[in-house]
Amino acid sequence: MRKYKITVLTDLERDAGATLKSAIGLAKIIDGEIEVFSVEKASEIVHSENQLSAMRSINSGHNSFRKKMKNLIAPISEQYDIRIDSSFSIGNIKGEIGQYIDTKKPDIIVLGKRREKVLKFVGDSIIPFVLNKFKGVILIANNNSVIEPNKEIVLGVCLIIWGQISIWILQKT
């Protein structure tokens, strides 16, 4: 029997650990394998118009991004004894995510629920983009109630609303 491919899309910020733990909990329930994918905007790394400086910035950003991803994934992977692959890209966030989905064809995508911002910008959210792009199961993980790996599940509910699948999973506390 093949394993389900679970992709965690994250920006490696504050709540990325909680999102990753929910993905691990899901992977242990359905016997899945996890890959974490993250994209960094090129404009946030390159701050110079000089081509040589821009290349240095990209290389430096590449190394720091890889280290940041390793620092997030390694302790959680070790704690729950599960292999977690990772990859990242630098560029247009929506374009890179779309290309990743088309190339890797995951079975399930796990996203972290975004915190409300004081100022909302047009096109700021990735969740609607992923909902339109990916026609499979999408789990939007709540950062306050994580699907803890190795804990018993009490109830799971699956609803199909407007062609999208929503899953709610409750756990014993």
C-alpha atoms as a PDB file:
ATOM      1  CA  MET A   1       0.000   0.000   0.000  1.00  0.00           C
ATOM      2  CA  ARG A   2       1.375   3.396  -0.936  1.00  0.00           C
ATOM      3  CA  LYS A   3       1.895   6.182   1.575  1.00  0.00           C
ATOM      4  CA  TYR A   4      -0.021   9.425   1.279  1.00  0.00           C
ATOM      5  CA  LYS A   5       2.097  12.426   0.304  1.00  0.00           C
ATOM      6  CA  ILE A   6       1.480  15.275   2.747  1.00  0.00           C
ATOM      7  CA  THR A   7       2.873  18.702   1.946  1.00  0.00           C
ATOM      8  CA  VAL A   8       3.192  21.396   4.588  1.00  0.00           C
ATOM      9  CA  LEU A   9       3.266  24.891   3.097  1.00  0.00           C
ATOM     10  CA  THR A  10       4.777  27.299   5.591  1.00  0.00           C
ATOM     11  CA  ASP A  11       6.533  30.632   5.833  1.00  0.00           C
ATOM     12  CA  LEU A  12       8.704  29.335   8.715  1.00  0.00           C
ATOM     13  CA  GLU A  13       7.362  31.990  11.037  1.00  0.00           C
ATOM     14  CA  ARG A  14       6.053  31.872  14.593  1.00  0.00           C
ATOM     15  CA  ASP A  15       3.368  29.165  14.241  1.00  0.00           C
ATOM     16  CA  ALA A  16       5.182  26.879  11.782  1.00  0.00           C
ATOM     17  CA  GLY A  17       5.989  24.363  14.535  1.00  0.00           C
ATOM     18  CA  ALA A  18       2.318  23.935  15.444  1.00  0.00           C
ATOM     19  CA  THR A  19       1.382  23.449  11.787  1.00  0.00           C
ATOM     20  CA  LEU A  20       4.133  20.857  11.386  1.00  0.00           C
ATOM     21  CA  LYS A  21       2.981  18.984  14.514  1.00  0.00           C
ATOM     22  CA  SER A  22      -0.562  18.817  13.107  1.00  0.00           C
ATOM     23  CA  ALA A  23       0.846  17.412   9.863  1.00  0.00           C
ATOM     24  CA  ILE A  24       2.783  14.785  11.843  1.00  0.00           C
ATOM     25  CA  GLY A  25      -0.369  13.858  13.747  1.00  0.00           C
ATOM     26  CA  LEU A  26      -2.229  13.442  10.450  1.00  0.00           C
ATOM     27  CA  ALA A  27       0.669  11.456   8.929  1.00  0.00           C
ATOM     28  CA  LYS A  28       0.688   9.034  11.852  1.00  0.00           C
ATOM     29  CA  ILE A  29      -3.093   8.524  11.556  1.00  0.00           C
ATOM     30  CA  ILE A  30      -3.138   7.834   7.793  1.00  0.00           C
ATOM     31  CA  ASP A  31       0.417   6.486   7.344  1.00  0.00           C
ATOM     32  CA  GLY A  32       1.714   9.390   5.320  1.00  0.00           C
ATOM     33  CA  GLU A  33       5.053  10.908   4.436  1.00  0.00           C
ATOM     34  CA  ILE A  34       5.711  14.603   4.977  1.00  0.00           C
ATOM     35  CA  GLU A  35       7.512  17.233   2.949  1.00  0.00           C
ATOM     36  CA  VAL A  36       7.767  20.832   4.090  1.00  0.00           C
ATOM     37  CA  PHE A  37       7.865  23.471   1.355  1.00  0.00           C
ATOM     38  CA  SER A  38       8.518  27.152   1.856  1.00  0.00           C
ATOM     39  CA  VAL A  39       9.034  30.133  -0.443  1.00  0.00           C
ATOM     40  CA  GLU A  40      10.836  33.364   0.321  1.00  0.00           C
ATOM     41  CA  LYS A  41      10.142  36.482  -1.725  1.00  0.00           C
ATOM     42  CA  ALA A  42      13.181  37.495  -3.765  1.00  0.00           C
ATOM     43  CA  SER A  43      12.478  41.139  -2.912  1.00  0.00           C
ATOM     44  CA  GLU A  44      12.948  40.350   0.794  1.00  0.00           C
ATOM     45  CA  ILE A  45      16.400  38.897   0.167  1.00  0.00           C
ATOM     46  CA  VAL A  46      17.814  41.171  -2.531  1.00  0.00           C
ATOM     47  CA  HIS A  47      18.166  44.779  -1.448  1.00  0.00           C
ATOM     48  CA  SER A  48      20.575  45.999  -4.115  1.00  0.00           C
ATOM     49  CA  GLU A  49      20.330  46.712  -7.818  1.00  0.00           C
ATOM     50  CA  ASN A  50      23.934  45.637  -8.380  1.00  0.00           C
ATOM     51  CA  GLN A  51      23.937  42.186  -9.987  1.00  0.00           C
ATOM     52  CA  LEU A  52      26.962  40.904  -8.046  1.00  0.00           C
ATOM     53  CA  SER A  53      25.507  42.096  -4.727  1.00  0.00           C
ATOM     54  CA  ALA A  54      22.170  40.556  -5.641  1.00  0.00           C
ATOM     55  CA  MET A  55      23.819  37.171  -6.316  1.00  0.00           C
ATOM     56  CA  ARG A  56      25.657  37.352  -2.984  1.00  0.00           C
ATOM     57  CA  SER A  57      22.405  38.207  -1.218  1.00  0.00           C
ATOM     58  CA  ILE A  58      20.627  35.272  -2.847  1.00  0.00           C
ATOM     59  CA  ASN A  59      23.408  32.847  -1.867  1.00  0.00           C
ATOM     60  CA  SER A  60      23.454  34.185   1.690  1.00  0.00           C
ATOM     61  CA  GLY A  61      19.647  34.064   1.860  1.00  0.00           C
ATOM     62  CA  HIS A  62      19.705  30.516   0.515  1.00  0.00           C
ATOM     63  CA  ASN A  63      22.074  29.402   3.276  1.00  0.00           C
ATOM     64  CA  SER A  64      20.207  31.186   6.077  1.00  0.00           C
ATOM     65  CA  PHE A  65      16.857  29.868   4.797  1.00  0.00           C
ATOM     66  CA  ARG A  66      18.210  26.292   4.738  1.00  0.00           C
ATOM     67  CA  LYS A  67      19.514  26.704   8.304  1.00  0.00           C
ATOM     68  CA  LYS A  68      16.198  28.177   9.509  1.00  0.00           C
ATOM     69  CA  MET A  69      14.292  25.264   7.965  1.00  0.00           C
ATOM     70  CA  LYS A  70      16.653  22.706   9.513  1.00  0.00           C
ATOM     71  CA  ASN A  71      16.325  24.355  12.945  1.00  0.00           C
ATOM     72  CA  LEU A  72      12.526  24.075  12.712  1.00  0.00           C
ATOM     73  CA  ILE A  73      12.274  20.541  11.332  1.00  0.00           C
ATOM     74  CA  ALA A  74      15.115  18.599  13.003  1.00  0.00           C
ATOM     75  CA  PRO A  75      13.950  18.791  16.654  1.00  0.00           C
ATOM     76  CA  ILE A  76      10.314  18.010  15.791  1.00  0.00           C
ATOM     77  CA  SER A  77      11.332  15.152  13.492  1.00  0.00           C
ATOM     78  CA  GLU A  78      13.521  13.676  16.208  1.00  0.00           C
ATOM     79  CA  GLN A  79      10.916  14.164  18.945  1.00  0.00           C
ATOM     80  CA  TYR A  80       8.185  12.300  17.045  1.00  0.00           C
ATOM     81  CA  ASP A  81      10.515   9.854  15.259  1.00  0.00           C
ATOM     82  CA  ILE A  82       9.325  10.630  11.736  1.00  0.00           C
ATOM     83  CA  ARG A  83      11.276  11.465   8.595  1.00  0.00           C
ATOM     84  CA  ILE A  84      10.460  14.906   7.213  1.00  0.00           C
ATOM     85  CA  ASP A  85      11.791  16.021   3.843  1.00  0.00           C
ATOM     86  CA  SER A  86      12.075  19.691   3.045  1.00  0.00           C
ATOM     87  CA  SER A  87      12.562  21.979   0.109  1.00  0.00           C
ATOM     88  CA  PHE A  88      12.340  25.683  -0.480  1.00  0.00           C
ATOM     89  CA  SER A  89      12.468  28.217  -3.216  1.00  0.00           C
ATOM     90  CA  ILE A  90      13.192  31.900  -3.655  1.00  0.00           C
ATOM     91  CA  GLY A  91      10.895  33.825  -5.962  1.00  0.00           C
ATOM     92  CA  ASN A  92       7.250  34.692  -6.535  1.00  0.00           C
ATOM     93  CA  ILE A  93       5.335  32.953  -3.740  1.00  0.00           C
ATOM     94  CA  LYS A  94       2.160  32.036  -5.636  1.00  0.00           C
ATOM     95  CA  GLY A  95       4.088  31.053  -8.762  1.00  0.00           C
ATOM     96  CA  GLU A  96       6.495  28.811  -6.853  1.00  0.00           C
ATOM     97  CA  ILE A  97       3.694  27.164  -4.845  1.00  0.00           C
ATOM     98  CA  GLY A  98       1.686  26.547  -8.032  1.00  0.00           C
ATOM     99  CA  GLN A  99       4.707  25.013  -9.749  1.00  0.00           C
ATOM    100  CA  TYR A 100       5.432  22.860  -6.685  1.00  0.00           C
ATOM    101  CA  ILE A 101       1.845  21.539  -6.581  1.00  0.00           C
ATOM    102  CA  ASP A 102       1.931  20.738 -10.307  1.00  0.00           C
ATOM    103  CA  THR A 103       5.297  18.965 -10.029  1.00  0.00           C
ATOM    104  CA  LYS A 104       4.981  17.036  -6.748  1.00  0.00           C
ATOM    105  CA  LYS A 105       1.228  16.289  -6.885  1.00  0.00           C
ATOM    106  CA  PRO A 106       0.678  15.870  -3.118  1.00  0.00           C
ATOM    107  CA  ASP A 107      -2.342  14.014  -1.780  1.00  0.00           C
ATOM    108  CA  ILE A 108      -2.900  16.407   1.147  1.00  0.00           C
ATOM    109  CA  ILE A 109      -1.750  19.976   1.761  1.00  0.00           C
ATOM    110  CA  VAL A 110      -1.454  21.325   5.306  1.00  0.00           C
ATOM    111  CA  LEU A 111      -1.560  25.088   5.825  1.00  0.00           C
ATOM    112  CA  GLY A 112      -1.326  27.082   9.020  1.00  0.00           C
ATOM    113  CA  LYS A 113      -4.174  29.402   9.899  1.00  0.00           C
ATOM    114  CA  ARG A 114      -2.999  32.980   9.515  1.00  0.00           C
ATOM    115  CA  ARG A 115      -3.269  35.403  12.389  1.00  0.00           C
ATOM    116  CA  GLU A 116      -5.453  38.421  11.764  1.00  0.00           C
ATOM    117  CA  LYS A 117      -3.524  41.510  10.714  1.00  0.00           C
ATOM    118  CA  VAL A 118      -4.445  45.071  11.518  1.00  0.00           C
ATOM    119  CA  LEU A 119      -3.947  46.109   7.889  1.00  0.00           C
ATOM    120  CA  LYS A 120      -5.093  43.741   5.165  1.00  0.00           C
ATOM    121  CA  PHE A 121      -3.548  44.029   1.734  1.00  0.00           C
ATOM    122  CA  VAL A 122      -5.054  42.794  -1.515  1.00  0.00           C
ATOM    123  CA  GLY A 123      -3.617  39.403  -2.467  1.00  0.00           C
ATOM    124  CA  ASP A 124      -1.982  38.988   0.949  1.00  0.00           C
ATOM    125  CA  SER A 125      -3.365  35.514   1.683  1.00  0.00           C
ATOM    126  CA  ILE A 126      -2.080  32.269   0.206  1.00  0.00           C
ATOM    127  CA  ILE A 127      -4.997  30.142   1.440  1.00  0.00           C
ATOM    128  CA  PRO A 128      -7.512  31.250  -1.261  1.00  0.00           C
ATOM    129  CA  PHE A 129      -4.838  30.703  -3.924  1.00  0.00           C
ATOM    130  CA  VAL A 130      -4.146  27.138  -2.722  1.00  0.00           C
ATOM    131  CA  LEU A 131      -7.891  26.405  -2.429  1.00  0.00           C
ATOM    132  CA  ASN A 132      -8.342  27.411  -6.090  1.00  0.00           C
ATOM    133  CA  LYS A 133      -5.179  25.706  -7.359  1.00  0.00           C
ATOM    134  CA  PHE A 134      -5.278  22.364  -5.512  1.00  0.00           C
ATOM    135  CA  LYS A 135      -8.259  20.061  -6.034  1.00  0.00           C
ATOM    136  CA  GLY A 136      -7.510  17.658  -3.185  1.00  0.00           C
ATOM    137  CA  VAL A 137      -7.660  17.494   0.592  1.00  0.00           C
ATOM    138  CA  ILE A 138      -6.489  20.658   2.360  1.00  0.00           C
ATOM    139  CA  LEU A 139      -6.066  20.785   6.124  1.00  0.00           C
ATOM    140  CA  ILE A 140      -5.948  24.271   7.621  1.00  0.00           C
ATOM    141  CA  ALA A 141      -4.316  23.681  10.983  1.00  0.00           C
ATOM    142  CA  ASN A 142      -5.383  25.808  13.916  1.00  0.00           C
ATOM    143  CA  ASN A 143      -2.335  26.956  15.848  1.00  0.00           C
ATOM    144  CA  ASN A 144      -4.153  26.888  19.198  1.00  0.00           C
ATOM    145  CA  SER A 145      -5.401  23.291  18.993  1.00  0.00           C
ATOM    146  CA  VAL A 146      -2.785  21.083  17.389  1.00  0.00           C
ATOM    147  CA  ILE A 147      -3.439  17.507  16.259  1.00  0.00           C
ATOM    148  CA  GLU A 148      -0.930  15.989  18.669  1.00  0.00           C
ATOM    149  CA  PRO A 149       0.976  13.008  17.315  1.00  0.00           C
ATOM    150  CA  ASN A 150       0.561   9.808  19.350  1.00  0.00           C
ATOM    151  CA  LYS A 151      -2.713  10.971  20.955  1.00  0.00           C
ATOM    152  CA  GLU A 152      -6.066   9.303  20.491  1.00  0.00           C
ATOM    153  CA  ILE A 153      -8.564  10.908  18.107  1.00  0.00           C
ATOM    154  CA  VAL A 154     -12.118  11.159  19.394  1.00  0.00           C
ATOM    155  CA  LEU A 155     -14.017  12.369  16.338  1.00  0.00           C
ATOM    156  CA  GLY A 156     -13.258  13.279  12.769  1.00  0.00           C
ATOM    157  CA  VAL A 157     -15.738  15.122  10.558  1.00  0.00           C
ATOM    158  CA  CYS A 158     -15.419  15.649   6.833  1.00  0.00           C
ATOM    159  CA  LEU A 159     -17.635  18.104   4.952  1.00  0.00           C
ATOM    160  CA  ILE A 160     -17.674  19.001   1.296  1.00  0.00           C
ATOM    161  CA  ILE A 161     -18.618  22.642   0.845  1.00  0.00           C
ATOM    162  CA  TRP A 162     -18.571  24.300  -2.600  1.00  0.00           C
ATOM    163  CA  GLY A 163     -16.490  21.448  -3.960  1.00  0.00           C
ATOM    164  CA  GLN A 164     -13.836  21.824  -1.241  1.00  0.00           C
ATOM    165  CA  ILE A 165     -13.225  19.226   1.430  1.00  0.00           C
ATOM    166  CA  SER A 166     -13.054  20.432   5.034  1.00  0.00           C
ATOM    167  CA  ILE A 167     -11.867  18.164   7.839  1.00  0.00           C
ATOM    168  CA  TRP A 168     -12.330  18.798  11.550  1.00  0.00           C
ATOM    169  CA  ILE A 169     -10.566  16.501  13.966  1.00  0.00           C
ATOM    170  CA  LEU A 170     -11.182  16.579  17.723  1.00  0.00           C
ATOM    171  CA  GLN A 171      -8.827  15.056  20.285  1.00  0.00           C
ATOM    172  CA  LYS A 172      -8.939  14.063  23.898  1.00  0.00           C
ATOM    173  CA  THR A 173      -7.174  16.596  26.097  1.00  0.00           C
END
